Amino acid sequence: MTKQKLYKIQFLSQGKTYEVYARDVDSSPLWGFTVIRDLVFESGEGMVIDPAEERLREEFRDTQSIHLPMQAILRIEEVKRRGGVAIRDATSGEKIMPFPLPPRKI
């Protein structure tokens, strides 16, 4: 039995850096693009819910493949195990919370 490969992909989209995991990364039939298929998300059966995971799962719920322009891809890594997904601000690198937070009192 062969073990399926797993890739961590970091790419830019609308001022944010996305970090997702997928089983298939290949050259796209569209010139200058890379295609990503079979996104991998947590099963969602546990008690702890990661808001970034839920947002990405919802955003890519019906997506069969993503065709990313090569210029948007920051990094593709083949990894042994899946880590956490994230959405970060592209300039500061800070994680973006997918839901509004109450204003902090100073």
Protein backbone atom coordinates (compact mmCIF):
# COMPACT_ATOMS: atom_id res chain seq x y z
CA MET A 1 0.00 0.00 0.00
CA THR A 2 1.43 3.38 -0.99
CA LYS A 3 1.07 6.30 1.36
CA GLN A 4 -0.62 9.38 -0.09
CA LYS A 5 1.53 12.47 -0.37
CA LEU A 6 0.57 15.56 1.60
CA TYR A 7 1.51 19.13 0.67
CA LYS A 8 1.44 22.35 2.64
CA ILE A 9 0.72 25.27 0.31
CA GLN A 10 1.16 28.94 1.22
CA PHE A 11 -0.27 31.47 -1.22
CA LEU A 12 -1.37 35.10 -1.41
CA SER A 13 -5.00 36.06 -2.05
CA GLN A 14 -6.59 39.50 -1.59
CA GLY A 15 -3.98 40.80 0.87
CA LYS A 16 -3.94 37.61 2.93
CA THR A 17 -1.61 34.64 3.14
CA TYR A 18 -3.43 31.31 3.15
CA GLU A 19 -1.87 28.11 4.50
CA VAL A 20 -3.72 24.98 3.39
CA TYR A 21 -3.00 21.27 2.96
CA ALA A 22 -3.74 19.22 -0.15
CA ARG A 23 -3.08 15.75 -1.57
CA ASP A 24 -2.41 16.83 -5.16
CA VAL A 25 -0.34 19.71 -6.60
CA ASP A 26 0.41 19.85 -10.31
CA SER A 27 0.92 22.13 -13.29
CA SER A 28 -2.38 23.55 -14.46
CA PRO A 29 -3.54 23.28 -18.06
CA LEU A 30 -3.91 27.07 -17.77
CA TRP A 31 -0.57 28.61 -18.70
CA GLY A 32 1.26 30.16 -15.70
CA PHE A 33 -0.94 28.50 -13.07
CA THR A 34 -0.53 25.68 -10.54
CA VAL A 35 -3.50 23.48 -9.72
CA ILE A 36 -4.25 22.26 -6.19
CA ARG A 37 -6.74 19.44 -5.61
CA ASP A 38 -8.05 17.37 -2.71
CA LEU A 39 -7.81 19.92 0.11
CA VAL A 40 -7.39 18.29 3.52
CA PHE A 41 -9.27 19.57 6.57
CA GLU A 42 -9.72 18.18 10.08
CA SER A 43 -12.67 15.84 10.48
CA GLY A 44 -14.47 18.38 12.69
CA GLU A 45 -15.63 15.73 15.16
CA GLY A 46 -13.57 17.00 18.11
CA MET A 47 -14.63 19.48 20.74
CA VAL A 48 -12.00 22.10 19.87
CA ILE A 49 -12.96 24.15 16.82
CA ASP A 50 -10.34 26.24 15.04
CA PRO A 51 -12.05 29.33 13.57
CA ALA A 52 -9.53 29.56 10.71
CA GLU A 53 -10.15 25.92 9.85
CA GLU A 54 -13.91 26.49 9.79
CA ARG A 55 -13.56 29.59 7.62
CA LEU A 56 -11.36 27.81 5.08
CA ARG A 57 -13.59 24.75 5.07
CA GLU A 58 -16.59 26.99 4.34
CA GLU A 59 -14.75 29.04 1.71
CA PHE A 60 -13.55 25.96 -0.20
CA ARG A 61 -16.55 23.71 0.57
CA ASP A 62 -17.59 23.07 -3.05
CA THR A 63 -14.14 23.56 -4.61
CA GLN A 64 -12.82 20.70 -6.72
CA SER A 65 -9.55 22.40 -7.63
CA ILE A 66 -7.80 25.73 -7.18
CA HIS A 67 -5.81 27.24 -10.05
CA LEU A 68 -3.29 29.64 -8.52
CA PRO A 69 -1.10 32.00 -10.54
CA MET A 70 2.53 31.08 -10.01
CA GLN A 71 3.25 34.60 -8.71
CA ALA A 72 0.77 34.08 -5.82
CA ILE A 73 2.45 30.93 -4.51
CA LEU A 74 4.89 31.54 -1.68
CA ARG A 75 5.83 27.97 -0.84
CA ILE A 76 4.88 24.36 -1.47
CA GLU A 77 6.21 21.75 0.95
CA GLU A 78 5.75 18.00 0.98
CA VAL A 79 5.11 17.16 4.65
CA LYS A 80 4.73 13.99 6.71
CA ARG A 81 1.76 15.15 8.77
CA ARG A 82 -0.84 17.85 8.71
CA GLY A 83 -0.48 20.91 10.92
CA GLY A 84 -2.84 23.78 11.52
CA VAL A 85 -4.20 25.91 8.72
CA ALA A 86 -4.03 29.69 8.91
CA ILE A 87 -5.07 32.93 7.29
CA ARG A 88 -2.56 35.70 7.89
CA ASP A 89 -2.22 39.34 6.96
CA ALA A 90 0.20 39.40 4.02
CA THR A 91 2.21 42.39 5.28
CA SER A 92 2.38 41.83 9.04
CA GLY A 93 2.12 38.02 9.14
CA GLU A 94 -0.38 38.18 12.00
CA LYS A 95 -3.19 35.64 12.05
CA ILE A 96 -6.53 37.00 10.94
CA MET A 97 -9.50 36.03 13.05
CA PRO A 98 -12.45 35.02 10.87
CA PHE A 99 -15.03 36.55 13.19
CA PRO A 100 -15.27 40.07 14.63
CA LEU A 101 -13.75 40.54 18.05
CA PRO A 102 -15.09 43.05 20.56
CA PRO A 103 -12.99 46.22 20.81
CA ARG A 104 -10.22 46.03 23.40
CA LYS A 105 -10.38 48.51 26.26
CA ILE A 106 -7.18 50.46 26.79
